[in-house]
N, C-alpha and C. Protein backbone atom coordinates (compact mmCIF):
# COMPACT_ATOMS: atom_id res chain seq x y z
N MET A 1 -2.66 24.82 -1.41
CA MET A 1 -2.81 25.57 -2.38
C MET A 1 -2.42 24.68 -3.70
N HIS A 2 -3.33 24.74 -4.84
CA HIS A 2 -2.97 23.93 -6.24
C HIS A 2 -2.07 24.76 -6.63
N ARG A 3 -1.03 24.12 -7.42
CA ARG A 3 0.04 24.95 -8.12
C ARG A 3 -0.53 25.42 -9.12
N GLY A 4 -0.48 26.88 -9.13
CA GLY A 4 -0.71 27.84 -10.07
C GLY A 4 -2.14 28.20 -10.12
N THR A 5 -3.19 27.56 -9.20
CA THR A 5 -4.80 27.83 -9.57
C THR A 5 -5.09 28.97 -8.32
N GLY A 6 -4.48 28.63 -7.11
CA GLY A 6 -4.79 29.64 -6.12
C GLY A 6 -5.75 28.80 -4.97
N LYS A 7 -6.45 27.74 -5.71
CA LYS A 7 -7.76 26.90 -4.89
C LYS A 7 -6.73 26.12 -3.91
N PRO A 8 -7.72 25.94 -2.54
CA PRO A 8 -7.31 25.30 -1.68
C PRO A 8 -7.17 23.62 -1.93
N CYS A 9 -6.12 23.06 -1.36
CA CYS A 9 -5.71 21.96 -1.59
C CYS A 9 -6.41 20.75 -0.68
N LEU A 10 -6.95 19.88 -1.11
CA LEU A 10 -7.53 19.03 -0.48
C LEU A 10 -6.72 17.83 0.20
N SER A 11 -6.34 17.35 1.32
CA SER A 11 -5.63 16.30 1.37
C SER A 11 -5.98 15.64 2.70
N GLN A 12 -5.50 14.26 2.84
CA GLN A 12 -6.07 13.22 3.81
C GLN A 12 -4.88 12.39 4.30
N LYS A 13 -5.01 12.05 5.49
CA LYS A 13 -3.41 11.61 6.12
C LYS A 13 -3.67 10.29 6.48
N ALA A 14 -3.32 9.17 6.02
CA ALA A 14 -3.37 7.95 6.17
C ALA A 14 -3.13 7.31 7.68
N LYS A 15 -3.58 5.89 8.21
CA LYS A 15 -2.95 6.00 9.55
C LYS A 15 -1.46 5.57 9.72
N ASP A 16 -0.96 5.10 8.73
CA ASP A 16 0.75 4.68 8.62
C ASP A 16 1.17 6.43 8.09
N GLY A 17 0.65 7.50 8.42
CA GLY A 17 1.59 8.89 7.95
C GLY A 17 1.62 9.22 6.22
N THR A 18 1.04 8.57 5.79
CA THR A 18 1.09 8.97 4.31
C THR A 18 0.00 10.21 4.09
N VAL A 19 0.47 11.01 3.33
CA VAL A 19 -0.66 12.25 2.99
C VAL A 19 -0.75 12.06 1.73
N TRP A 20 -2.02 12.07 1.29
CA TRP A 20 -2.58 11.74 0.17
C TRP A 20 -3.10 13.41 -0.22
N VAL A 21 -2.49 14.06 -1.39
CA VAL A 21 -2.95 15.28 -1.83
C VAL A 21 -3.96 15.21 -3.08
N GLU A 22 -5.02 15.65 -2.86
CA GLU A 22 -5.79 15.53 -4.56
C GLU A 22 -5.05 16.71 -5.44
N GLU A 23 -4.81 16.43 -6.71
CA GLU A 23 -4.38 17.45 -7.50
C GLU A 23 -5.46 17.64 -8.74
N ASP A 24 -5.55 18.66 -9.47
CA ASP A 24 -5.98 18.72 -10.75
C ASP A 24 -5.91 17.72 -11.82
N ILE A 25 -7.01 17.33 -12.59
CA ILE A 25 -6.58 16.59 -13.63
C ILE A 25 -5.69 17.18 -14.81
N GLY A 26 -5.05 16.79 -15.12
CA GLY A 26 -4.51 17.37 -16.61
C GLY A 26 -3.15 18.43 -15.98
N MET A 27 -3.13 18.51 -14.82
CA MET A 27 -1.93 19.69 -14.34
C MET A 27 -0.41 18.69 -14.16
N PRO A 28 0.60 18.89 -14.94
CA PRO A 28 1.67 18.30 -14.95
C PRO A 28 2.43 18.77 -13.52
N SER A 29 2.58 17.47 -13.04
CA SER A 29 3.35 17.74 -11.63
C SER A 29 4.75 17.70 -11.76
N ALA A 30 5.50 18.05 -11.48
CA ALA A 30 7.23 18.24 -11.02
C ALA A 30 7.55 17.04 -11.17
N VAL A 31 7.05 15.76 -10.13
CA VAL A 31 7.40 14.24 -10.13
C VAL A 31 6.86 13.73 -11.87
N ALA A 32 6.04 13.76 -12.33
CA ALA A 32 5.72 13.24 -13.52
C ALA A 32 6.94 13.85 -14.62
N ASN A 33 6.60 15.32 -14.63
CA ASN A 33 7.73 15.74 -15.71
C ASN A 33 9.16 14.89 -15.59
N HIS A 34 9.47 14.91 -14.21
CA HIS A 34 10.93 14.25 -13.95
C HIS A 34 10.93 12.95 -14.51
N SER A 35 9.99 11.97 -14.25
CA SER A 35 10.19 10.79 -14.16
C SER A 35 9.57 10.19 -15.83
N CYS A 36 9.80 11.00 -16.81
CA CYS A 36 9.27 10.71 -17.79
C CYS A 36 10.26 9.47 -18.78
N PHE A 37 9.71 8.58 -19.18
CA PHE A 37 10.85 7.61 -20.05
C PHE A 37 11.27 7.70 -21.25
N THR A 38 12.43 8.20 -21.19
CA THR A 38 12.71 8.62 -22.39
C THR A 38 13.82 7.87 -23.27
N ALA A 39 13.93 6.59 -22.86
CA ALA A 39 15.02 5.53 -23.47
C ALA A 39 14.23 5.16 -25.03
N GLN A 40 15.27 4.65 -25.81
CA GLN A 40 14.47 4.40 -27.11
C GLN A 40 13.92 2.72 -26.72
N ALA A 41 12.85 2.30 -27.86
CA ALA A 41 12.36 0.99 -27.72
C ALA A 41 13.00 0.14 -28.30
N GLY A 42 12.67 -1.11 -28.01
CA GLY A 42 13.74 -2.25 -28.25
C GLY A 42 14.76 -2.74 -27.39
N PRO A 43 15.47 -3.69 -27.51
CA PRO A 43 16.63 -4.35 -26.63
C PRO A 43 17.68 -3.25 -26.84
N THR A 44 18.40 -3.50 -25.87
CA THR A 44 19.24 -2.71 -25.21
C THR A 44 20.50 -3.34 -26.14
N GLU A 45 22.08 -2.47 -26.28
CA GLU A 45 22.79 -2.91 -27.17
C GLU A 45 23.28 -3.76 -26.64
N SER A 46 23.54 -4.41 -25.30
CA SER A 46 24.12 -5.43 -24.81
C SER A 46 23.16 -6.65 -24.99
N ALA A 47 21.81 -6.60 -24.76
CA ALA A 47 21.05 -7.82 -25.29
C ALA A 47 21.07 -8.00 -26.39
N LYS A 48 21.41 -6.78 -27.59
CA LYS A 48 21.80 -7.23 -29.13
C LYS A 48 22.82 -8.26 -29.20
N ARG A 49 23.77 -7.75 -28.41
CA ARG A 49 25.03 -8.47 -28.65
C ARG A 49 25.02 -10.12 -28.07
N LYS A 50 24.26 -10.14 -26.77
CA LYS A 50 24.34 -11.64 -26.08
C LYS A 50 23.42 -12.40 -26.78
N ILE A 51 22.21 -11.70 -27.32
CA ILE A 51 21.19 -12.85 -27.19
C ILE A 51 21.00 -12.84 -28.94
N THR A 52 21.60 -14.13 -29.53
CA THR A 52 21.74 -14.37 -30.76
C THR A 52 20.90 -15.31 -31.36
N SER A 53 20.00 -16.04 -30.57
CA SER A 53 19.12 -17.10 -31.34
C SER A 53 17.64 -17.10 -30.19
N VAL A 54 16.81 -17.77 -30.79
CA VAL A 54 15.42 -17.62 -30.56
C VAL A 54 15.27 -18.61 -29.24
N PHE A 55 16.43 -19.64 -28.93
CA PHE A 55 16.47 -20.53 -27.50
C PHE A 55 17.08 -19.08 -26.75
N GLN A 56 17.91 -18.49 -26.80
CA GLN A 56 18.46 -17.54 -25.91
C GLN A 56 17.23 -16.75 -25.69
N SER A 57 16.55 -16.23 -26.67
CA SER A 57 15.67 -15.31 -25.95
C SER A 57 14.44 -15.69 -24.87
N PHE A 58 13.98 -17.11 -25.52
CA PHE A 58 13.31 -17.81 -24.81
C PHE A 58 13.73 -18.19 -23.58
N LEU A 59 15.13 -18.31 -23.23
CA LEU A 59 15.52 -18.51 -21.81
C LEU A 59 15.65 -17.19 -20.88
N CYS A 60 15.51 -15.98 -21.75
CA CYS A 60 15.39 -14.83 -21.05
C CYS A 60 13.97 -14.75 -20.03
N LEU A 61 12.72 -15.46 -20.65
CA LEU A 61 11.69 -15.39 -20.19
C LEU A 61 11.44 -16.41 -18.83
N LEU A 62 11.98 -17.45 -19.27
CA LEU A 62 12.18 -18.82 -18.45
C LEU A 62 13.13 -19.17 -18.29
N ASP A 63 14.23 -19.13 -17.11
CA ASP A 63 15.48 -19.57 -17.25
C ASP A 63 15.44 -20.98 -16.75
N LEU A 64 16.33 -21.83 -17.06
CA LEU A 64 16.31 -23.46 -16.60
C LEU A 64 15.62 -23.82 -15.28
N GLY A 65 16.40 -22.82 -14.40
CA GLY A 65 15.79 -23.57 -13.03
C GLY A 65 14.39 -23.36 -12.94
N MET A 66 13.92 -22.20 -13.45
CA MET A 66 12.24 -21.91 -13.55
C MET A 66 11.68 -23.12 -14.34
N LEU A 67 12.43 -23.86 -15.41
CA LEU A 67 11.84 -24.72 -16.15
C LEU A 67 11.70 -26.11 -15.32
N GLN A 68 12.74 -26.11 -14.47
CA GLN A 68 13.00 -27.29 -13.78
C GLN A 68 11.89 -27.42 -12.46
N THR A 69 11.50 -26.50 -12.11
CA THR A 69 10.75 -26.32 -10.76
C THR A 69 9.25 -26.40 -11.37
N ILE A 70 8.85 -25.89 -12.84
CA ILE A 70 7.90 -26.49 -13.18
C ILE A 70 7.67 -27.93 -13.66
N ARG A 71 8.81 -28.35 -14.23
CA ARG A 71 8.52 -29.90 -14.76
C ARG A 71 8.23 -30.73 -13.27
N LYS A 72 8.75 -30.40 -12.09
CA LYS A 72 8.98 -31.43 -11.17
C LYS A 72 7.76 -31.21 -10.68
N CYS A 73 7.07 -30.02 -10.23
CA CYS A 73 5.70 -29.79 -9.70
C CYS A 73 4.80 -30.65 -10.43
N THR A 74 4.90 -30.27 -12.06
CA THR A 74 3.78 -31.00 -12.89
C THR A 74 3.92 -32.51 -12.86
N VAL A 75 5.15 -33.06 -12.80
CA VAL A 75 5.43 -34.32 -12.65
C VAL A 75 4.88 -34.77 -11.59
N HIS A 76 5.26 -34.32 -10.23
CA HIS A 76 4.74 -34.69 -8.92
C HIS A 76 3.06 -34.98 -9.11
N GLN A 77 2.57 -33.62 -9.10
CA GLN A 77 0.95 -33.75 -9.57
C GLN A 77 0.56 -34.59 -10.37
N ALA A 78 1.07 -34.74 -11.47
CA ALA A 78 0.34 -36.20 -12.43
C ALA A 78 0.54 -37.46 -11.82
N ARG A 79 1.69 -37.79 -10.95
CA ARG A 79 1.90 -39.23 -10.77
C ARG A 79 1.48 -39.53 -9.50
N ARG A 80 0.16 -38.27 -9.00
CA ARG A 80 -0.95 -38.97 -8.11
C ARG A 80 -1.73 -39.59 -8.61
N THR A 81 -2.12 -39.56 -10.01
CA THR A 81 -2.98 -40.24 -10.79
C THR A 81 -2.38 -41.45 -11.60
N GLU A 82 -1.33 -41.30 -12.13
CA GLU A 82 -0.69 -42.03 -13.29
C GLU A 82 0.99 -41.92 -12.44
N PRO A 83 1.44 -43.23 -12.09
CA PRO A 83 2.91 -43.09 -11.37
C PRO A 83 3.88 -43.52 -12.69
N ASP A 84 3.46 -43.75 -13.77
CA ASP A 84 4.59 -43.80 -14.77
C ASP A 84 4.82 -42.35 -15.67
N TRP A 85 4.15 -41.44 -15.12
CA TRP A 85 3.97 -40.42 -16.14
C TRP A 85 5.14 -39.81 -15.77
N ASN A 86 5.82 -38.61 -17.17
CA ASN A 86 6.98 -38.14 -17.20
C ASN A 86 6.66 -37.04 -18.05
N LEU A 87 7.64 -35.98 -17.83
CA LEU A 87 7.73 -35.18 -18.90
C LEU A 87 9.23 -34.48 -18.62
N ALA A 88 9.68 -33.95 -20.32
CA ALA A 88 10.97 -33.90 -20.36
C ALA A 88 11.27 -32.17 -20.52
N ILE A 89 12.29 -31.86 -20.28
CA ILE A 89 12.45 -30.09 -20.39
C ILE A 89 12.27 -29.85 -21.33
N HIS A 90 12.67 -30.64 -22.69
CA HIS A 90 12.21 -30.11 -23.97
C HIS A 90 10.75 -30.23 -24.44
N GLU A 91 10.11 -30.99 -23.87
CA GLU A 91 8.90 -31.10 -24.09
C GLU A 91 8.01 -29.97 -23.30
N LEU A 92 8.35 -29.73 -22.45
CA LEU A 92 7.59 -28.66 -21.57
C LEU A 92 8.16 -27.21 -22.13
N MET A 93 9.25 -27.17 -22.64
CA MET A 93 9.53 -25.37 -23.63
C MET A 93 8.81 -25.70 -24.75
N ALA A 94 8.30 -27.13 -25.27
CA ALA A 94 7.91 -26.77 -26.49
C ALA A 94 6.52 -26.92 -26.21
N LEU A 95 5.71 -27.29 -25.43
CA LEU A 95 4.40 -26.45 -25.08
C LEU A 95 4.31 -25.24 -24.48
N ILE A 96 5.11 -24.58 -23.88
CA ILE A 96 5.24 -23.23 -23.42
C ILE A 96 5.29 -22.28 -24.53
N SER A 97 6.19 -22.95 -25.74
CA SER A 97 6.27 -22.10 -27.18
C SER A 97 5.16 -21.94 -27.57
N ILE A 98 4.36 -23.09 -27.95
CA ILE A 98 2.88 -23.05 -28.20
C ILE A 98 2.06 -21.98 -27.65
N LEU A 99 1.85 -22.26 -26.43
CA LEU A 99 1.26 -21.20 -25.74
C LEU A 99 1.49 -19.86 -26.26
N PHE A 100 2.90 -19.52 -26.22
CA PHE A 100 3.19 -17.98 -26.52
C PHE A 100 2.92 -17.93 -27.96
N VAL A 101 3.10 -18.60 -29.05
CA VAL A 101 2.50 -18.36 -30.46
C VAL A 101 1.02 -18.30 -30.19
N ARG A 102 0.01 -19.04 -29.42
CA ARG A 102 -1.06 -18.81 -29.83
C ARG A 102 -1.47 -17.35 -29.13
N ALA A 103 -0.97 -17.15 -27.80
CA ALA A 103 -0.84 -15.65 -27.06
C ALA A 103 -1.14 -14.73 -28.31
N ILE A 104 0.01 -14.86 -29.06
CA ILE A 104 0.33 -13.58 -30.18
C ILE A 104 -0.61 -13.87 -31.34
N MET A 105 -0.91 -15.07 -31.49
CA MET A 105 -1.79 -14.87 -32.74
C MET A 105 -3.13 -14.96 -32.55
N CYS A 106 -3.67 -14.98 -31.20
CA CYS A 106 -5.24 -14.92 -30.65
C CYS A 106 -5.62 -13.99 -29.78
N PRO A 107 -6.36 -12.69 -29.93
CA PRO A 107 -6.53 -11.55 -29.38
C PRO A 107 -6.78 -11.82 -28.04
N VAL A 108 -7.62 -13.21 -28.15
CA VAL A 108 -8.08 -13.51 -26.50
C VAL A 108 -7.04 -14.02 -25.74
N GLY A 109 -5.55 -14.61 -26.10
CA GLY A 109 -4.95 -14.66 -25.44
C GLY A 109 -4.79 -16.63 -25.61
N ALA A 110 -3.85 -17.24 -24.39
CA ALA A 110 -3.43 -18.58 -24.67
C ALA A 110 -4.40 -18.99 -23.77
N ILE A 111 -5.53 -18.92 -23.68
CA ILE A 111 -6.54 -19.75 -22.77
C ILE A 111 -6.99 -21.33 -23.28
N TRP A 112 -6.87 -21.92 -22.76
CA TRP A 112 -7.35 -23.52 -23.34
C TRP A 112 -8.21 -24.09 -22.36
N ILE A 113 -9.60 -24.42 -22.87
CA ILE A 113 -10.59 -24.82 -22.07
C ILE A 113 -10.53 -26.57 -22.44
N ALA A 114 -10.51 -27.37 -21.35
CA ALA A 114 -10.49 -28.57 -21.33
C ALA A 114 -11.96 -29.28 -22.12
N GLY A 115 -11.67 -30.08 -22.85
CA GLY A 115 -12.63 -30.46 -24.20
C GLY A 115 -12.87 -29.59 -25.11
N GLN A 116 -12.26 -28.46 -25.23
CA GLN A 116 -12.30 -27.58 -26.33
C GLN A 116 -12.02 -28.55 -27.78
N LYS A 117 -12.70 -28.17 -28.62
CA LYS A 117 -12.29 -28.84 -29.84
C LYS A 117 -11.49 -28.33 -30.63
N ALA A 118 -11.20 -27.01 -30.64
CA ALA A 118 -9.95 -26.25 -31.46
C ALA A 118 -9.26 -25.74 -30.45
N PHE A 119 -8.11 -26.25 -30.43
CA PHE A 119 -7.10 -25.21 -29.43
C PHE A 119 -6.63 -23.87 -30.41
N TRP A 120 -6.37 -23.99 -31.69
CA TRP A 120 -5.92 -22.51 -31.91
C TRP A 120 -7.44 -21.95 -32.54
N CYS A 121 -7.15 -20.24 -32.45
CA CYS A 121 -8.27 -19.62 -32.48
C CYS A 121 -9.00 -19.69 -33.68
N GLN A 122 -10.01 -19.40 -33.92
CA GLN A 122 -11.06 -19.81 -35.01
C GLN A 122 -11.14 -18.61 -36.14
């Protein structure tokens, strides 16, 4: 029975034993009420104390290990056609930063099509 309506409840059982129950739209469930997110928006107090620069906030998104892996794979791929090609970590961070800024400034996102005349949004 649906909660509070007295109507029969439709349910199906999956092969793995999961039971799917159809619920009325707009009926608040006990689980939904229990799992409401009540925290304040924005950084935590710990983050406010520990992240004191733009560089530190950048490294929260991509740590040095991730950047080194991206660099290593990029250099490996580029050297298949150009043996002397290289990329420094700071150059990679600059490129990623530009892509982040472009994604923020342009509603379409940070998509760059090869041969495109203008990199920045029009």
